Amino acid sequence: MHIDPDDLFMKTTVERYFPNLTALQKERFSLLENLYIEWNARINVISRKDMDQLMIHHVLHSLGIAKVINFKPGTAIMDAGTGGGFPGIPLAILFPEVHFTLVDSIGKKIKVVGNIAQSVGLNNITPLNARFETVRGAFDFVTGRAVTNLPQFFTWTRKKIKKTGFNDLTNGILYLTGGETELAEKKTDFRYTFYPLSEYFEDPWFSTKKLIHLYNCL
């Protein structure tokens, strides 16, 4: 059955902030809500009380990274502690020429990630059931979304980052968080920049949300 992406997309707020989406991207974003509702009824990967805010609290929040960086084709990203696929799946829809390795230690969550990626036709995602600190290889960026405290996340992922890159931002960690962020354990070999997401999204929910870019951390 043919799906009219413009009709489906009326339910979402993504196009308001990303007006240049292709028809395929619109369709893929539109499919996410029902897919997560169906999967979450079987395997709880998102708080059920939060499901009615999926597009804002999870999808749009994930896309906050895309307001700061436009990943170039060929970029390699590890989404560490991806949970139900955030921020990895929304970013993979937006950047089809970027490869995302979505890692989580909980197998049932990776099962959901793999099935949703397949259902929307994403071929730029590798789901991986593992502890992200044990993953081999190196990436241009490591993304995370309220996985653990930031100094611990930094310690676990800093050696996964390639020394040289080709994007407009320096290779590093892109971490989505909210409220106060503990950076008391400052290191001498890395820098960080805060990006308040309220500067990009009008919804009041984003008033305390921020993206932190940690770089030169090798």
N, C-alpha and C. Protein backbone atom coordinates (compact mmCIF):
# COMPACT_ATOMS: atom_id res chain seq x y z
N MET A 1 0.85 -1.21 0.00
CA MET A 1 0.00 0.00 0.00
C MET A 1 0.88 1.25 0.00
N HIS A 2 0.57 2.18 -0.89
CA HIS A 2 1.33 3.42 -0.94
C HIS A 2 0.96 4.33 0.22
N ILE A 3 2.00 4.89 0.86
CA ILE A 3 1.78 5.81 1.98
C ILE A 3 2.10 7.22 1.52
N ASP A 4 1.18 8.12 1.71
CA ASP A 4 1.42 9.52 1.35
C ASP A 4 2.17 10.17 2.51
N PRO A 5 3.47 10.44 2.34
CA PRO A 5 4.27 10.97 3.44
C PRO A 5 3.79 12.32 3.93
N ASP A 6 3.23 13.14 3.05
CA ASP A 6 2.76 14.45 3.47
C ASP A 6 1.56 14.33 4.42
N ASP A 7 0.66 13.36 4.15
CA ASP A 7 -0.47 13.16 5.04
C ASP A 7 -0.01 12.65 6.40
N LEU A 8 0.88 11.66 6.40
CA LEU A 8 1.35 11.10 7.65
C LEU A 8 2.14 12.13 8.46
N PHE A 9 2.87 12.95 7.75
CA PHE A 9 3.80 13.85 8.43
C PHE A 9 3.10 14.99 9.15
N MET A 10 1.83 15.18 8.89
CA MET A 10 1.09 16.23 9.59
C MET A 10 1.07 15.98 11.09
N LYS A 11 1.28 14.73 11.52
CA LYS A 11 1.25 14.39 12.93
C LYS A 11 2.53 14.76 13.65
N THR A 12 3.58 15.06 12.93
CA THR A 12 4.88 15.26 13.55
C THR A 12 5.29 16.73 13.52
N THR A 13 6.34 17.03 14.25
CA THR A 13 6.86 18.40 14.30
C THR A 13 8.24 18.50 13.67
N VAL A 14 8.75 17.40 13.13
CA VAL A 14 10.12 17.40 12.62
C VAL A 14 10.28 18.33 11.43
N GLU A 15 9.31 18.30 10.49
CA GLU A 15 9.43 19.10 9.28
C GLU A 15 9.48 20.59 9.58
N ARG A 16 8.88 21.00 10.66
CA ARG A 16 8.90 22.41 11.04
C ARG A 16 10.33 22.91 11.23
N TYR A 17 11.18 22.05 11.76
CA TYR A 17 12.56 22.44 12.04
C TYR A 17 13.54 21.94 10.99
N PHE A 18 13.10 21.00 10.15
CA PHE A 18 13.94 20.47 9.08
C PHE A 18 13.12 20.48 7.79
N PRO A 19 12.94 21.65 7.18
CA PRO A 19 12.01 21.81 6.06
C PRO A 19 12.50 21.22 4.75
N ASN A 20 13.75 20.80 4.66
CA ASN A 20 14.29 20.32 3.39
C ASN A 20 14.34 18.80 3.29
N LEU A 21 13.53 18.12 4.05
CA LEU A 21 13.51 16.67 4.00
C LEU A 21 13.01 16.16 2.65
N THR A 22 13.55 15.03 2.22
CA THR A 22 13.04 14.39 1.02
C THR A 22 11.73 13.67 1.34
N ALA A 23 11.02 13.26 0.31
CA ALA A 23 9.78 12.51 0.52
C ALA A 23 10.04 11.21 1.27
N LEU A 24 11.17 10.55 0.98
CA LEU A 24 11.51 9.31 1.67
C LEU A 24 11.79 9.56 3.14
N GLN A 25 12.51 10.63 3.45
CA GLN A 25 12.79 10.95 4.85
C GLN A 25 11.49 11.26 5.61
N LYS A 26 10.59 12.00 4.96
CA LYS A 26 9.29 12.29 5.59
C LYS A 26 8.55 11.00 5.91
N GLU A 27 8.55 10.09 4.95
CA GLU A 27 7.84 8.84 5.15
C GLU A 27 8.46 8.05 6.30
N ARG A 28 9.78 8.01 6.34
CA ARG A 28 10.46 7.24 7.40
C ARG A 28 10.19 7.83 8.78
N PHE A 29 10.25 9.14 8.90
CA PHE A 29 9.93 9.76 10.19
C PHE A 29 8.48 9.49 10.57
N SER A 30 7.60 9.53 9.61
CA SER A 30 6.18 9.32 9.88
C SER A 30 5.89 7.91 10.38
N LEU A 31 6.67 6.95 9.93
CA LEU A 31 6.47 5.57 10.34
C LEU A 31 6.93 5.29 11.76
N LEU A 32 7.82 6.11 12.29
CA LEU A 32 8.45 5.82 13.57
C LEU A 32 7.45 5.69 14.71
N GLU A 33 6.49 6.61 14.78
CA GLU A 33 5.60 6.63 15.93
C GLU A 33 4.84 5.32 16.11
N ASN A 34 4.20 4.84 15.06
CA ASN A 34 3.44 3.60 15.17
C ASN A 34 4.35 2.40 15.44
N LEU A 35 5.54 2.40 14.84
CA LEU A 35 6.47 1.30 15.08
C LEU A 35 6.89 1.24 16.54
N TYR A 36 7.18 2.40 17.12
CA TYR A 36 7.58 2.41 18.53
C TYR A 36 6.41 2.05 19.45
N ILE A 37 5.22 2.47 19.10
CA ILE A 37 4.04 2.10 19.90
C ILE A 37 3.87 0.58 19.89
N GLU A 38 4.00 -0.01 18.71
CA GLU A 38 3.83 -1.46 18.59
C GLU A 38 4.91 -2.23 19.35
N TRP A 39 6.17 -1.82 19.17
CA TRP A 39 7.26 -2.52 19.84
C TRP A 39 7.26 -2.27 21.34
N ASN A 40 6.92 -1.05 21.74
CA ASN A 40 6.97 -0.73 23.17
C ASN A 40 5.90 -1.49 23.96
N ALA A 41 4.85 -1.92 23.28
CA ALA A 41 3.82 -2.73 23.94
C ALA A 41 4.35 -4.11 24.28
N ARG A 42 5.40 -4.54 23.55
CA ARG A 42 5.99 -5.86 23.79
C ARG A 42 7.27 -5.77 24.62
N ILE A 43 8.10 -4.80 24.28
CA ILE A 43 9.40 -4.64 24.94
C ILE A 43 9.52 -3.17 25.34
N ASN A 44 9.57 -2.92 26.61
CA ASN A 44 9.55 -1.54 27.10
C ASN A 44 10.91 -0.87 26.91
N VAL A 45 11.04 -0.09 25.83
CA VAL A 45 12.29 0.63 25.58
C VAL A 45 12.14 2.13 25.82
N ILE A 46 10.90 2.59 25.92
CA ILE A 46 10.60 3.98 26.20
C ILE A 46 9.55 4.00 27.31
N SER A 47 9.70 4.92 28.24
CA SER A 47 8.71 5.04 29.31
C SER A 47 7.32 5.18 28.69
N ARG A 48 6.39 4.32 29.12
CA ARG A 48 5.06 4.33 28.52
C ARG A 48 4.34 5.66 28.73
N LYS A 49 4.61 6.34 29.83
CA LYS A 49 3.99 7.63 30.07
C LYS A 49 4.55 8.71 29.15
N ASP A 50 5.67 8.40 28.49
CA ASP A 50 6.32 9.36 27.60
C ASP A 50 6.02 9.09 26.13
N MET A 51 5.29 8.03 25.83
CA MET A 51 5.07 7.65 24.45
C MET A 51 4.29 8.70 23.66
N ASP A 52 3.39 9.43 24.33
CA ASP A 52 2.61 10.43 23.60
C ASP A 52 3.46 11.65 23.24
N GLN A 53 4.69 11.71 23.76
CA GLN A 53 5.61 12.79 23.43
C GLN A 53 6.82 12.27 22.65
N LEU A 54 6.66 11.12 22.01
CA LEU A 54 7.78 10.47 21.33
C LEU A 54 8.49 11.40 20.35
N MET A 55 7.71 12.10 19.51
CA MET A 55 8.33 12.89 18.45
C MET A 55 9.13 14.06 18.98
N ILE A 56 8.70 14.64 20.10
CA ILE A 56 9.43 15.78 20.68
C ILE A 56 10.54 15.31 21.61
N HIS A 57 10.18 14.47 22.56
CA HIS A 57 11.12 14.09 23.61
C HIS A 57 12.20 13.13 23.15
N HIS A 58 11.98 12.43 22.07
CA HIS A 58 12.95 11.44 21.62
C HIS A 58 13.47 11.72 20.21
N VAL A 59 12.56 11.87 19.24
CA VAL A 59 13.01 12.08 17.86
C VAL A 59 13.61 13.47 17.68
N LEU A 60 12.85 14.50 18.03
CA LEU A 60 13.36 15.85 17.84
C LEU A 60 14.57 16.11 18.73
N HIS A 61 14.54 15.59 19.95
CA HIS A 61 15.69 15.73 20.85
C HIS A 61 16.94 15.15 20.20
N SER A 62 16.82 13.97 19.61
CA SER A 62 17.95 13.34 18.93
C SER A 62 18.47 14.21 17.80
N LEU A 63 17.55 14.85 17.08
CA LEU A 63 17.93 15.67 15.93
C LEU A 63 18.54 17.00 16.34
N GLY A 64 18.58 17.30 17.63
CA GLY A 64 19.30 18.48 18.09
C GLY A 64 20.75 18.46 17.64
N ILE A 65 21.31 17.26 17.54
CA ILE A 65 22.70 17.13 17.07
C ILE A 65 22.84 17.69 15.66
N ALA A 66 21.82 17.49 14.83
CA ALA A 66 21.86 17.94 13.44
C ALA A 66 21.73 19.45 13.31
N LYS A 67 21.35 20.14 14.39
CA LYS A 67 21.33 21.60 14.38
C LYS A 67 22.73 22.17 14.59
N VAL A 68 23.62 21.33 15.07
CA VAL A 68 24.98 21.78 15.37
C VAL A 68 25.98 21.31 14.32
N ILE A 69 25.73 20.15 13.74
CA ILE A 69 26.65 19.61 12.74
C ILE A 69 25.87 18.93 11.63
N ASN A 70 26.30 19.18 10.40
CA ASN A 70 25.77 18.50 9.22
C ASN A 70 26.80 17.45 8.81
N PHE A 71 26.62 16.22 9.28
CA PHE A 71 27.61 15.18 9.04
C PHE A 71 27.85 14.98 7.55
N LYS A 72 29.10 14.87 7.16
CA LYS A 72 29.45 14.66 5.77
C LYS A 72 29.36 13.17 5.42
N PRO A 73 29.06 12.86 4.15
CA PRO A 73 29.01 11.46 3.73
C PRO A 73 30.29 10.73 4.09
N GLY A 74 30.14 9.51 4.55
CA GLY A 74 31.29 8.70 4.93
C GLY A 74 31.67 8.80 6.39
N THR A 75 31.01 9.67 7.14
CA THR A 75 31.27 9.78 8.58
C THR A 75 30.85 8.49 9.28
N ALA A 76 31.65 8.08 10.26
CA ALA A 76 31.34 6.88 11.05
C ALA A 76 31.02 7.31 12.48
N ILE A 77 29.88 6.84 12.99
CA ILE A 77 29.40 7.27 14.30
C ILE A 77 29.02 6.05 15.13
N MET A 78 29.44 6.04 16.38
CA MET A 78 28.95 5.04 17.33
C MET A 78 27.97 5.72 18.28
N ASP A 79 26.75 5.20 18.32
CA ASP A 79 25.75 5.66 19.27
C ASP A 79 25.82 4.74 20.48
N ALA A 80 26.48 5.21 21.52
CA ALA A 80 26.81 4.39 22.69
C ALA A 80 25.67 4.41 23.70
N GLY A 81 25.20 3.22 24.08
CA GLY A 81 24.06 3.15 24.99
C GLY A 81 22.80 3.64 24.31
N THR A 82 22.55 3.14 23.12
CA THR A 82 21.49 3.67 22.26
C THR A 82 20.08 3.44 22.81
N GLY A 83 19.91 2.45 23.70
CA GLY A 83 18.57 2.17 24.22
C GLY A 83 17.64 1.73 23.11
N GLY A 84 16.57 2.49 22.91
CA GLY A 84 15.62 2.18 21.85
C GLY A 84 16.00 2.73 20.49
N GLY A 85 17.23 3.26 20.36
CA GLY A 85 17.69 3.76 19.07
C GLY A 85 17.81 5.26 18.98
N PHE A 86 18.03 5.91 20.11
CA PHE A 86 18.14 7.37 20.13
C PHE A 86 19.50 7.79 20.71
N PRO A 87 20.18 8.68 20.01
CA PRO A 87 19.75 9.45 18.84
C PRO A 87 19.99 8.79 17.49
N GLY A 88 20.47 7.54 17.48
CA GLY A 88 20.96 6.94 16.25
C GLY A 88 19.96 6.82 15.12
N ILE A 89 18.75 6.31 15.39
CA ILE A 89 17.79 6.09 14.30
C ILE A 89 17.34 7.40 13.65
N PRO A 90 16.90 8.41 14.41
CA PRO A 90 16.53 9.67 13.74
C PRO A 90 17.68 10.27 12.93
N LEU A 91 18.90 10.19 13.47
CA LEU A 91 20.05 10.74 12.74
C LEU A 91 20.34 9.93 11.48
N ALA A 92 20.15 8.62 11.55
CA ALA A 92 20.38 7.78 10.36
C ALA A 92 19.39 8.09 9.26
N ILE A 93 18.16 8.45 9.64
CA ILE A 93 17.17 8.87 8.63
C ILE A 93 17.61 10.18 7.98
N LEU A 94 18.10 11.09 8.78
CA LEU A 94 18.48 12.41 8.28
C LEU A 94 19.77 12.37 7.47
N PHE A 95 20.66 11.44 7.81
CA PHE A 95 21.96 11.36 7.15
C PHE A 95 22.15 9.95 6.56
N PRO A 96 21.53 9.67 5.42
CA PRO A 96 21.57 8.32 4.86
C PRO A 96 22.94 7.89 4.36
N GLU A 97 23.87 8.84 4.17
CA GLU A 97 25.21 8.50 3.68
C GLU A 97 26.23 8.45 4.81
N VAL A 98 25.74 8.42 6.03
CA VAL A 98 26.59 8.30 7.22
C VAL A 98 26.30 6.94 7.85
N HIS A 99 27.34 6.27 8.34
CA HIS A 99 27.11 4.96 8.96
C HIS A 99 27.07 5.06 10.49
N PHE A 100 26.05 4.43 11.07
CA PHE A 100 25.83 4.47 12.51
C PHE A 100 25.92 3.06 13.09
N THR A 101 26.76 2.88 14.10
CA THR A 101 26.81 1.65 14.86
C THR A 101 26.09 1.90 16.18
N LEU A 102 24.93 1.27 16.35
CA LEU A 102 24.09 1.48 17.53
C LEU A 102 24.36 0.38 18.54
N VAL A 103 24.88 0.75 19.70
CA VAL A 103 25.39 -0.22 20.66
C VAL A 103 24.61 -0.14 21.97
N ASP A 104 24.19 -1.30 22.46
CA ASP A 104 23.59 -1.37 23.79
C ASP A 104 23.83 -2.75 24.38
N SER A 105 24.01 -2.79 25.69
CA SER A 105 24.30 -4.07 26.35
C SER A 105 23.06 -4.91 26.58
N ILE A 106 21.87 -4.33 26.39
CA ILE A 106 20.62 -5.06 26.62
C ILE A 106 20.09 -5.58 25.29
N GLY A 107 20.09 -6.90 25.15
CA GLY A 107 19.77 -7.53 23.88
C GLY A 107 18.39 -7.20 23.35
N LYS A 108 17.38 -7.12 24.23
CA LYS A 108 16.02 -6.87 23.75
C LYS A 108 15.89 -5.47 23.16
N LYS A 109 16.68 -4.52 23.65
CA LYS A 109 16.64 -3.18 23.08
C LYS A 109 17.25 -3.16 21.69
N ILE A 110 18.35 -3.89 21.52
CA ILE A 110 18.97 -3.99 20.20
C ILE A 110 18.05 -4.72 19.22
N LYS A 111 17.28 -5.66 19.71
CA LYS A 111 16.29 -6.33 18.86
C LYS A 111 15.29 -5.31 18.30
N VAL A 112 14.82 -4.42 19.15
CA VAL A 112 13.89 -3.38 18.71
C VAL A 112 14.56 -2.46 17.70
N VAL A 113 15.78 -2.05 18.00
CA VAL A 113 16.53 -1.17 17.11
C VAL A 113 16.66 -1.79 15.72
N GLY A 114 17.07 -3.04 15.67
CA GLY A 114 17.26 -3.71 14.39
C GLY A 114 15.97 -3.84 13.61
N ASN A 115 14.89 -4.17 14.29
CA ASN A 115 13.61 -4.33 13.61
C ASN A 115 13.05 -3.00 13.10
N ILE A 116 13.19 -1.95 13.88
CA ILE A 116 12.69 -0.65 13.43
C ILE A 116 13.53 -0.13 12.26
N ALA A 117 14.83 -0.30 12.35
CA ALA A 117 15.70 0.13 11.23
C ALA A 117 15.32 -0.61 9.96
N GLN A 118 15.06 -1.90 10.08
CA GLN A 118 14.67 -2.69 8.90
C GLN A 118 13.30 -2.26 8.38
N SER A 119 12.37 -1.98 9.29
CA SER A 119 11.01 -1.62 8.89
C SER A 119 10.95 -0.32 8.12
N VAL A 120 11.83 0.62 8.44
CA VAL A 120 11.82 1.90 7.72
C VAL A 120 12.82 1.92 6.58
N GLY A 121 13.53 0.81 6.38
CA GLY A 121 14.41 0.68 5.21
C GLY A 121 15.77 1.31 5.37
N LEU A 122 16.29 1.36 6.59
CA LEU A 122 17.61 1.94 6.80
C LEU A 122 18.70 0.89 6.59
N ASN A 123 19.64 1.18 5.70
CA ASN A 123 20.76 0.26 5.48
C ASN A 123 22.08 0.85 5.95
N ASN A 124 22.01 1.95 6.71
CA ASN A 124 23.22 2.60 7.22
C ASN A 124 23.34 2.45 8.73
N ILE A 125 22.70 1.41 9.27
CA ILE A 125 22.74 1.14 10.71
C ILE A 125 23.26 -0.27 10.94
N THR A 126 24.19 -0.40 11.90
CA THR A 126 24.61 -1.70 12.40
C THR A 126 24.23 -1.79 13.87
N PRO A 127 23.22 -2.61 14.23
CA PRO A 127 22.87 -2.80 15.64
C PRO A 127 23.88 -3.76 16.28
N LEU A 128 24.32 -3.46 17.49
CA LEU A 128 25.35 -4.28 18.13
C LEU A 128 25.01 -4.46 19.60
N ASN A 129 24.84 -5.71 20.02
CA ASN A 129 24.58 -6.02 21.42
C ASN A 129 25.91 -6.21 22.14
N ALA A 130 26.35 -5.17 22.83
CA ALA A 130 27.65 -5.21 23.51
C ALA A 130 27.72 -4.03 24.49
N ARG A 131 28.67 -4.10 25.38
CA ARG A 131 28.99 -2.93 26.20
C ARG A 131 29.81 -2.00 25.33
N PHE A 132 29.43 -0.74 25.26
CA PHE A 132 30.07 0.12 24.26
C PHE A 132 31.55 0.34 24.51
N GLU A 133 31.99 0.19 25.77
CA GLU A 133 33.42 0.38 26.05
C GLU A 133 34.26 -0.78 25.51
N THR A 134 33.61 -1.89 25.12
CA THR A 134 34.34 -3.04 24.58
C THR A 134 34.34 -3.08 23.06
N VAL A 135 33.64 -2.17 22.41
CA VAL A 135 33.54 -2.19 20.96
C VAL A 135 34.90 -1.87 20.33
N ARG A 136 35.29 -2.66 19.36
CA ARG A 136 36.55 -2.43 18.66
C ARG A 136 36.35 -1.44 17.51
N GLY A 137 37.43 -0.82 17.12
CA GLY A 137 37.37 0.12 16.01
C GLY A 137 37.32 1.55 16.49
N ALA A 138 37.36 2.45 15.54
CA ALA A 138 37.37 3.88 15.84
C ALA A 138 36.33 4.59 14.98
N PHE A 139 35.85 5.71 15.50
CA PHE A 139 34.75 6.44 14.89
C PHE A 139 35.08 7.92 14.84
N ASP A 140 34.41 8.62 13.92
CA ASP A 140 34.59 10.07 13.88
C ASP A 140 33.93 10.74 15.08
N PHE A 141 32.75 10.24 15.43
CA PHE A 141 32.03 10.79 16.59
C PHE A 141 31.40 9.65 17.39
N VAL A 142 31.30 9.89 18.69
CA VAL A 142 30.52 9.02 19.56
C VAL A 142 29.37 9.84 20.09
N THR A 143 28.15 9.36 19.91
CA THR A 143 26.98 10.07 20.44
C THR A 143 26.45 9.34 21.66
N GLY A 144 25.79 10.11 22.51
CA GLY A 144 25.17 9.55 23.71
C GLY A 144 24.03 10.44 24.15
N ARG A 145 23.10 9.84 24.87
CA ARG A 145 21.91 10.58 25.29
C ARG A 145 21.53 10.15 26.70
N ALA A 146 22.00 10.93 27.68
CA ALA A 146 21.70 10.66 29.09
C ALA A 146 22.00 9.21 29.46
N VAL A 147 23.18 8.72 29.04
CA VAL A 147 23.56 7.33 29.27
C VAL A 147 24.07 7.13 30.70
N THR A 148 24.97 7.99 31.12
CA THR A 148 25.55 7.96 32.45
C THR A 148 26.11 9.34 32.72
N ASN A 149 26.81 9.54 33.84
CA ASN A 149 27.39 10.87 34.06
C ASN A 149 28.48 11.11 33.00
N LEU A 150 28.62 12.35 32.62
CA LEU A 150 29.48 12.69 31.48
C LEU A 150 30.95 12.31 31.69
N PRO A 151 31.55 12.56 32.85
CA PRO A 151 32.94 12.14 33.02
C PRO A 151 33.14 10.64 32.81
N GLN A 152 32.19 9.82 33.27
CA GLN A 152 32.30 8.38 33.07
C GLN A 152 32.14 8.02 31.59
N PHE A 153 31.19 8.64 30.91
CA PHE A 153 30.98 8.40 29.49
C PHE A 153 32.25 8.77 28.71
N PHE A 154 32.85 9.88 29.08
CA PHE A 154 34.08 10.34 28.46
C PHE A 154 35.19 9.30 28.63
N THR A 155 35.35 8.79 29.84
CA THR A 155 36.39 7.81 30.12
C THR A 155 36.21 6.55 29.29
N TRP A 156 34.96 6.11 29.14
CA TRP A 156 34.67 4.87 28.42
C TRP A 156 34.79 4.99 26.91
N THR A 157 34.63 6.19 26.37
CA THR A 157 34.54 6.32 24.91
C THR A 157 35.68 7.11 24.26
N ARG A 158 36.48 7.78 25.03
CA ARG A 158 37.47 8.69 24.44
C ARG A 158 38.43 8.01 23.47
N LYS A 159 38.77 6.74 23.72
CA LYS A 159 39.72 6.04 22.87
C LYS A 159 39.08 5.45 21.62
N LYS A 160 37.77 5.65 21.47
CA LYS A 160 37.06 5.14 20.30
C LYS A 160 37.04 6.17 19.16
N ILE A 161 37.63 7.33 19.38
CA ILE A 161 37.50 8.45 18.44
C ILE A 161 38.75 8.56 17.56
N LYS A 162 38.53 8.64 16.26
CA LYS A 162 39.64 8.80 15.32
C LYS A 162 40.37 10.12 15.56
N LYS A 163 41.66 10.09 15.34
CA LYS A 163 42.47 11.28 15.61
C LYS A 163 42.23 12.39 14.60
N THR A 164 41.96 12.03 13.37
CA THR A 164 41.74 13.05 12.34
C THR A 164 40.35 12.88 11.75
N GLY A 165 39.77 14.00 11.32
CA GLY A 165 38.43 13.97 10.76
C GLY A 165 38.30 14.91 9.58
N PHE A 166 37.09 14.98 9.03
CA PHE A 166 36.87 15.80 7.84
C PHE A 166 35.56 16.58 7.92
N ASN A 167 34.91 16.56 9.09
CA ASN A 167 33.69 17.34 9.26
C ASN A 167 34.02 18.75 9.73
N ASP A 168 33.01 19.60 9.78
CA ASP A 168 33.23 20.98 10.20
C ASP A 168 33.49 21.10 11.70
N LEU A 169 33.02 20.13 12.47
CA LEU A 169 33.36 20.04 13.89
C LEU A 169 34.49 19.04 14.07
N THR A 170 35.35 19.29 15.04
CA THR A 170 36.43 18.36 15.35
C THR A 170 35.85 17.04 15.85
N ASN A 171 36.46 15.95 15.44
CA ASN A 171 36.03 14.64 15.93
C ASN A 171 35.94 14.64 17.45
N GLY A 172 34.92 13.94 17.98
CA GLY A 172 34.78 13.93 19.42
C GLY A 172 33.49 13.28 19.87
N ILE A 173 33.05 13.67 21.05
CA ILE A 173 31.83 13.15 21.67
C ILE A 173 30.74 14.20 21.52
N LEU A 174 29.54 13.74 21.14
CA LEU A 174 28.36 14.60 21.05
C LEU A 174 27.33 14.02 22.00
N TYR A 175 27.12 14.73 23.12
CA TYR A 175 26.34 14.17 24.23
C TYR A 175 25.13 15.04 24.53
N LEU A 176 23.96 14.43 24.45
CA LEU A 176 22.71 15.13 24.74
C LEU A 176 22.35 14.94 26.21
N THR A 177 22.05 16.04 26.87
CA THR A 177 21.73 15.95 28.29
C THR A 177 20.77 17.07 28.66
N GLY A 178 20.34 17.07 29.91
CA GLY A 178 19.43 18.10 30.39
C GLY A 178 19.78 18.48 31.81
N GLY A 179 19.38 19.66 32.24
CA GLY A 179 19.66 20.12 33.59
C GLY A 179 21.13 20.40 33.79
N GLU A 180 21.57 20.28 35.02
CA GLU A 180 22.97 20.55 35.34
C GLU A 180 23.83 19.37 34.88
N THR A 181 24.97 19.67 34.31
CA THR A 181 25.89 18.65 33.83
C THR A 181 27.17 18.70 34.63
N GLU A 182 27.56 17.57 35.20
CA GLU A 182 28.75 17.50 36.03
C GLU A 182 30.00 17.42 35.17
N LEU A 183 30.79 18.49 35.22
CA LEU A 183 32.08 18.49 34.52
C LEU A 183 33.21 18.84 35.48
N ALA A 184 33.00 18.46 36.72
CA ALA A 184 33.99 18.79 37.74
C ALA A 184 35.32 18.09 37.49
N GLU A 185 35.25 16.88 36.93
CA GLU A 185 36.47 16.13 36.66
C GLU A 185 37.08 16.58 35.33
N LYS A 186 37.50 17.80 35.28
CA LYS A 186 38.02 18.34 34.03
C LYS A 186 39.37 17.71 33.69
N LYS A 187 39.54 17.42 32.42
CA LYS A 187 40.79 16.85 31.95
C LYS A 187 41.60 17.97 31.27
N THR A 188 42.90 17.81 31.25
CA THR A 188 43.74 18.83 30.62
C THR A 188 43.82 18.65 29.11
N ASP A 189 43.39 17.49 28.60
CA ASP A 189 43.59 17.20 27.18
C ASP A 189 42.28 17.19 26.40
N PHE A 190 41.25 17.85 26.89
CA PHE A 190 40.05 17.97 26.09
C PHE A 190 39.35 19.29 26.36
N ARG A 191 38.58 19.71 25.40
CA ARG A 191 37.79 20.93 25.51
C ARG A 191 36.34 20.58 25.28
N TYR A 192 35.45 21.47 25.63
CA TYR A 192 34.04 21.20 25.40
C TYR A 192 33.30 22.50 25.09
N THR A 193 32.22 22.35 24.32
CA THR A 193 31.35 23.46 23.96
C THR A 193 29.92 23.06 24.25
N PHE A 194 29.17 23.96 24.89
CA PHE A 194 27.76 23.73 25.18
C PHE A 194 26.91 24.38 24.08
N TYR A 195 25.88 23.67 23.67
CA TYR A 195 24.90 24.20 22.72
C TYR A 195 23.50 24.06 23.33
N PRO A 196 22.91 25.11 23.87
CA PRO A 196 21.55 25.02 24.42
C PRO A 196 20.55 24.72 23.30
N LEU A 197 19.77 23.66 23.44
CA LEU A 197 18.83 23.29 22.40
C LEU A 197 17.64 24.23 22.32
N SER A 198 17.44 25.04 23.35
CA SER A 198 16.36 26.04 23.31
C SER A 198 16.61 27.09 22.25
N GLU A 199 17.84 27.19 21.77
CA GLU A 199 18.15 28.13 20.70
C GLU A 199 17.67 27.63 19.34
N TYR A 200 17.35 26.34 19.26
CA TYR A 200 16.96 25.74 17.99
C TYR A 200 15.50 25.29 17.97
N PHE A 201 14.96 24.94 19.15
CA PHE A 201 13.60 24.41 19.24
C PHE A 201 12.78 25.25 20.22
N GLU A 202 11.55 25.58 19.83
CA GLU A 202 10.72 26.49 20.63
C GLU A 202 9.97 25.80 21.77
N ASP A 203 9.75 24.51 21.68
CA ASP A 203 8.99 23.82 22.72
C ASP A 203 9.64 24.03 24.09
N PRO A 204 8.86 24.38 25.13
CA PRO A 204 9.42 24.64 26.47
C PRO A 204 10.20 23.47 27.04
N TRP A 205 9.91 22.25 26.58
CA TRP A 205 10.62 21.07 27.08
C TRP A 205 12.12 21.18 26.86
N PHE A 206 12.53 21.96 25.85
CA PHE A 206 13.95 22.08 25.52
C PHE A 206 14.66 23.16 26.34
N SER A 207 13.97 23.79 27.25
CA SER A 207 14.57 24.93 27.98
C SER A 207 15.81 24.53 28.78
N THR A 208 15.88 23.27 29.24
CA THR A 208 17.04 22.83 30.01
C THR A 208 17.91 21.84 29.24
N LYS A 209 17.56 21.56 28.00
CA LYS A 209 18.30 20.55 27.24
C LYS A 209 19.49 21.18 26.53
N LYS A 210 20.56 20.40 26.45
CA LYS A 210 21.76 20.91 25.78
C LYS A 210 22.50 19.78 25.09
N LEU A 211 23.30 20.18 24.12
CA LEU A 211 24.25 19.28 23.48
C LEU A 211 25.64 19.71 23.90
N ILE A 212 26.46 18.75 24.28
CA ILE A 212 27.84 19.04 24.65
C ILE A 212 28.76 18.36 23.63
N HIS A 213 29.65 19.13 23.08
CA HIS A 213 30.66 18.61 22.15
C HIS A 213 31.99 18.60 22.89
N LEU A 214 32.53 17.40 23.12
CA LEU A 214 33.86 17.24 23.70
C LEU A 214 34.84 16.86 22.61
N TYR A 215 35.96 17.54 22.55
CA TYR A 215 36.89 17.31 21.44
C TYR A 215 38.32 17.50 21.89
N ASN A 216 39.26 17.15 21.00
CA ASN A 216 40.68 17.13 21.35
C ASN A 216 40.90 16.31 22.61
N CYS A 217 40.25 15.17 22.68
CA CYS A 217 40.27 14.38 23.91
C CYS A 217 41.01 13.06 23.72
N LEU A 218 42.14 13.11 23.04
CA LEU A 218 42.87 11.88 22.77
C LEU A 218 44.22 11.93 23.49
